Structure formats: C-alpha cells, structure tokens
C-alpha atoms as a PDB file:
ATOM      1  CA  MET A   1     142.951  94.826 134.403  1.00  0.00           C
ATOM      2  CA  GLU A   2     143.492  91.336 132.933  1.00  0.00           C
ATOM      3  CA  PRO A   3     143.927  90.936 129.189  1.00  0.00           C
ATOM      4  CA  GLU A   4     141.003  89.276 127.483  1.00  0.00           C
ATOM      5  CA  ILE A   5     141.845  85.776 126.266  1.00  0.00           C
ATOM      6  CA  ASP A   6     140.278  84.783 122.951  1.00  0.00           C
ATOM      7  CA  GLU A   7     140.192  81.021 122.981  1.00  0.00           C
ATOM      8  CA  GLY A   8     137.811  80.544 120.113  1.00  0.00           C
ATOM      9  CA  ILE A   9     135.531  77.474 119.930  1.00  0.00           C
ATOM     10  CA  SER A  10     136.729  74.248 121.431  1.00  0.00           C
ATOM     11  CA  GLU A  11     135.802  70.646 121.653  1.00  0.00           C
ATOM     12  CA  LYS A  12     134.461  71.356 125.078  1.00  0.00           C
ATOM     13  CA  ASP A  13     131.998  73.937 123.610  1.00  0.00           C
ATOM     14  CA  VAL A  14     130.733  71.345 121.123  1.00  0.00           C
ATOM     15  CA  MET A  15     130.355  68.786 123.959  1.00  0.00           C
ATOM     16  CA  GLY A  16     128.240  71.342 125.833  1.00  0.00           C
ATOM     17  CA  LEU A  17     125.955  71.555 122.807  1.00  0.00           C
ATOM     18  CA  MET A  18     125.742  67.826 122.148  1.00  0.00           C
ATOM     19  CA  HIS A  19     121.959  67.918 122.518  1.00  0.00           C
ATOM     20  CA  VAL A  20     121.716  70.182 119.475  1.00  0.00           C
ATOM     21  CA  PHE A  21     123.544  67.699 117.297  1.00  0.00           C
ATOM     22  CA  THR A  22     121.847  64.568 118.551  1.00  0.00           C
ATOM     23  CA  ARG A  23     118.278  66.008 118.246  1.00  0.00           C
ATOM     24  CA  VAL A  24     118.177  65.016 114.557  1.00  0.00           C
ATOM     25  CA  PRO A  25     118.323  61.318 113.776  1.00  0.00           C
ATOM     26  CA  PRO A  26     121.541  60.387 111.816  1.00  0.00           C
ATOM     27  CA  LEU A  27     119.583  59.177 108.736  1.00  0.00           C
ATOM     28  CA  VAL A  28     117.621  62.427 108.546  1.00  0.00           C
ATOM     29  CA  LEU A  29     120.723  64.503 108.968  1.00  0.00           C
ATOM     30  CA  LYS A  30     122.542  62.516 106.264  1.00  0.00           C
ATOM     31  CA  MET A  31     119.647  63.220 103.846  1.00  0.00           C
ATOM     32  CA  VAL A  32     119.559  66.916 104.690  1.00  0.00           C
ATOM     33  CA  VAL A  33     123.329  67.252 104.296  1.00  0.00           C
ATOM     34  CA  LYS A  34     123.417  65.296 101.078  1.00  0.00           C
ATOM     35  CA  GLY A  35     120.574  67.478  99.693  1.00  0.00           C
ATOM     36  CA  ASN A  36     122.396  70.620 100.836  1.00  0.00           C
ATOM     37  CA  LYS A  37     119.213  71.920 102.441  1.00  0.00           C
ATOM     38  CA  ASN A  38     118.958  75.337 103.963  1.00  0.00           C
ATOM     39  CA  VAL A  39     117.735  74.354 107.401  1.00  0.00           C
ATOM     40  CA  VAL A  40     118.392  77.786 108.910  1.00  0.00           C
ATOM     41  CA  ARG A  41     115.808  79.381 106.640  1.00  0.00           C
ATOM     42  CA  SER A  42     113.366  76.522 107.308  1.00  0.00           C
ATOM     43  CA  PHE A  43     113.505  77.173 111.034  1.00  0.00           C
ATOM     44  CA  GLU A  44     114.021  80.955 110.947  1.00  0.00           C
ATOM     45  CA  ALA A  45     111.494  81.791 113.634  1.00  0.00           C
ATOM     46  CA  GLN A  46     112.829  79.189 116.054  1.00  0.00           C
ATOM     47  CA  VAL A  47     116.471  80.230 115.341  1.00  0.00           C
ATOM     48  CA  MET A  48     115.670  83.898 115.986  1.00  0.00           C
ATOM     49  CA  ASP A  49     113.723  83.165 119.124  1.00  0.00           C
ATOM     50  CA  HIS A  50     116.458  81.013 120.522  1.00  0.00           C
ATOM     51  CA  TYR A  51     119.259  83.499 119.553  1.00  0.00           C
ATOM     52  CA  GLN A  52     117.479  86.317 121.328  1.00  0.00           C
ATOM     53  CA  GLN A  53     117.414  84.282 124.520  1.00  0.00           C
ATOM     54  CA  LEU A  54     121.182  83.685 124.543  1.00  0.00           C
ATOM     55  CA  THR A  55     123.477  85.310 126.993  1.00  0.00           C
ATOM     56  CA  THR A  56     126.094  87.769 125.796  1.00  0.00           C
ATOM     57  CA  GLU A  57     128.757  85.089 126.187  1.00  0.00           C
ATOM     58  CA  GLU A  58     126.783  82.579 124.155  1.00  0.00           C
ATOM     59  CA  LYS A  59     126.217  85.200 121.416  1.00  0.00           C
ATOM     60  CA  VAL A  60     129.991  85.786 121.295  1.00  0.00           C
ATOM     61  CA  LYS A  61     130.504  82.045 120.761  1.00  0.00           C
ATOM     62  CA  VAL A  62     127.984  82.053 117.915  1.00  0.00           C
ATOM     63  CA  GLU A  63     129.884  84.960 116.344  1.00  0.00           C
ATOM     64  CA  LYS A  64     133.130  82.966 116.674  1.00  0.00           C
ATOM     65  CA  VAL A  65     131.603  79.997 114.880  1.00  0.00           C
ATOM     66  CA  LEU A  66     130.348  82.277 112.082  1.00  0.00           C
ATOM     67  CA  GLU A  67     133.867  83.672 111.660  1.00  0.00           C
ATOM     68  CA  MET A  68     135.828  80.453 111.682  1.00  0.00           C
ATOM     69  CA  PRO A  69     136.747  78.528 108.564  1.00  0.00           C
ATOM     70  CA  VAL A  70     134.463  75.528 107.943  1.00  0.00           C
ATOM     71  CA  SER A  71     137.468  73.248 107.829  1.00  0.00           C
ATOM     72  CA  GLU A  72     138.408  74.279 111.374  1.00  0.00           C
ATOM     73  CA  LEU A  73     134.829  73.722 112.586  1.00  0.00           C
ATOM     74  CA  GLN A  74     134.830  70.271 110.946  1.00  0.00           C
ATOM     75  CA  ARG A  75     138.147  69.442 112.606  1.00  0.00           C
ATOM     76  CA  ILE A  76     136.596  70.177 115.978  1.00  0.00           C
ATOM     77  CA  LEU A  77     133.530  68.161 115.139  1.00  0.00           C
ATOM     78  CA  GLN A  78     135.754  65.229 114.061  1.00  0.00           C
ATOM     79  CA  ASN A  79     137.710  65.389 117.307  1.00  0.00           C
ATOM     80  CA  VAL A  80     134.468  65.362 119.389  1.00  0.00           C
ATOM     81  CA  TYR A  81     133.123  62.465 117.226  1.00  0.00           C
ATOM     82  CA  LEU A  82     136.271  60.426 118.001  1.00  0.00           C
ATOM     83  CA  GLU A  83     135.571  60.958 121.677  1.00  0.00           C
ATOM     84  CA  THR A  84     131.768  60.493 121.706  1.00  0.00           C
ATOM     85  CA  HIS A  85     131.052  58.302 118.637  1.00  0.00           C
ATOM     86  CA  GLN A  86     127.907  60.391 117.896  1.00  0.00           C
ATOM     87  CA  LYS A  87     127.002  59.592 114.304  1.00  0.00           C
ATOM     88  CA  GLN A  88     125.643  63.087 113.698  1.00  0.00           C
ATOM     89  CA  LEU A  89     129.088  64.575 114.363  1.00  0.00           C
ATOM     90  CA  LYS A  90     130.706  62.136 111.914  1.00  0.00           C
ATOM     91  CA  ILE A  91     128.242  63.190 109.236  1.00  0.00           C
ATOM     92  CA  LEU A  92     128.971  66.884 109.740  1.00  0.00           C
ATOM     93  CA  ALA A  93     132.759  66.304 110.015  1.00  0.00           C
ATOM     94  CA  ASP A  94     132.835  64.572 106.634  1.00  0.00           C
ATOM     95  CA  PRO A  95     134.377  66.783 103.912  1.00  0.00           C
ATOM     96  CA  GLY A  96     131.224  66.188 101.840  1.00  0.00           C
ATOM     97  CA  ALA A  97     129.211  68.177 104.415  1.00  0.00           C
ATOM     98  CA  GLU A  98     131.230  71.350 103.750  1.00  0.00           C
ATOM     99  CA  PRO A  99     128.770  72.884 101.216  1.00  0.00           C
ATOM    100  CA  PHE A 100     125.854  72.192 103.619  1.00  0.00           C
ATOM    101  CA  ILE A 101     127.686  73.814 106.563  1.00  0.00           C
ATOM    102  CA  THR A 102     128.801  76.749 104.407  1.00  0.00           C
ATOM    103  CA  LEU A 103     125.326  77.376 103.103  1.00  0.00           C
ATOM    104  CA  ASN A 104     123.690  77.284 106.559  1.00  0.00           C
ATOM    105  CA  LEU A 105     126.377  79.441 108.183  1.00  0.00           C
ATOM    106  CA  GLN A 106     125.932  82.026 105.413  1.00  0.00           C
ATOM    107  CA  GLU A 107     122.198  82.004 105.983  1.00  0.00           C
ATOM    108  CA  LEU A 108     122.685  82.361 109.718  1.00  0.00           C
ATOM    109  CA  ARG A 109     125.032  85.295 109.194  1.00  0.00           C
ATOM    110  CA  LYS A 110     122.445  86.995 107.032  1.00  0.00           C
ATOM    111  CA  MET A 111     119.691  86.396 109.569  1.00  0.00           C
ATOM    112  CA  LEU A 112     121.753  87.631 112.550  1.00  0.00           C
ATOM    113  CA  ASN A 113     122.898  90.737 110.672  1.00  0.00           C
ATOM    114  CA  SER A 114     119.299  91.644 109.888  1.00  0.00           C
ATOM    115  CA  PRO A 115     118.278  95.132 111.123  1.00  0.00           C
ATOM    116  CA  ASP A 116     115.255  93.465 112.782  1.00  0.00           C
ATOM    117  CA  LEU A 117     117.474  91.773 115.362  1.00  0.00           C
END
C-alpha cells in the first residue's frame, strides 16, 4: 500500500480554476475586494449547489484551501499572476485583499460545516 502524499494546493490547481477567477471583471472585483464584501453569503445557493456536485477529490482541495493561511494562498495567486498576467489574480494577491479573502473563507467554512450539507 502506497503512502498518501499530501501536496496541498499548487499553482497548477489555480491554473485549472482560472475560469473562476476571470469570470468577474477586474474593476468589479477590485470594488468588491475594497468594500470587503461577503460574496459567499450573496451567492450561497449557487455555492452550495456547486459544492454538492464536486468530486471527493475536489472537495478535499476545497478543504485544503480552507485550512491554509491566507498569506500562502496569496503567494500562490501571485505566482500564477506572474505567469498568466490575469488582473483578477493580481487584485487577490495584493496584501490589501487579505481581509476580503479571510472574510469569505470564514463564511465558506461556516456554510460547508452546516448540518444541512
């Protein structure tokens, strides 16, 4: 039996989800981040519906993101930005986006730990 390798979340994982980041225009994302908006709560039904359709492997990756420090997540986003030049990643990698990311990850944790799930 092979030992399980825990690689965490990588730049490759973020690249695979690029469509999620680029769905929102940079100007809109910048305003939402600056306003520290709780977008998870605003889109709760869609988030829950999408989460329930994920594979077990995808759910494990979501859990890893929820467990990692925001600074590490932003480092990964910065690295992918340097490779892709997607403005949305630059916005999220900026240290000023930390409160926005923290708020939304906390909300997502609450939602996914709900007994209704």
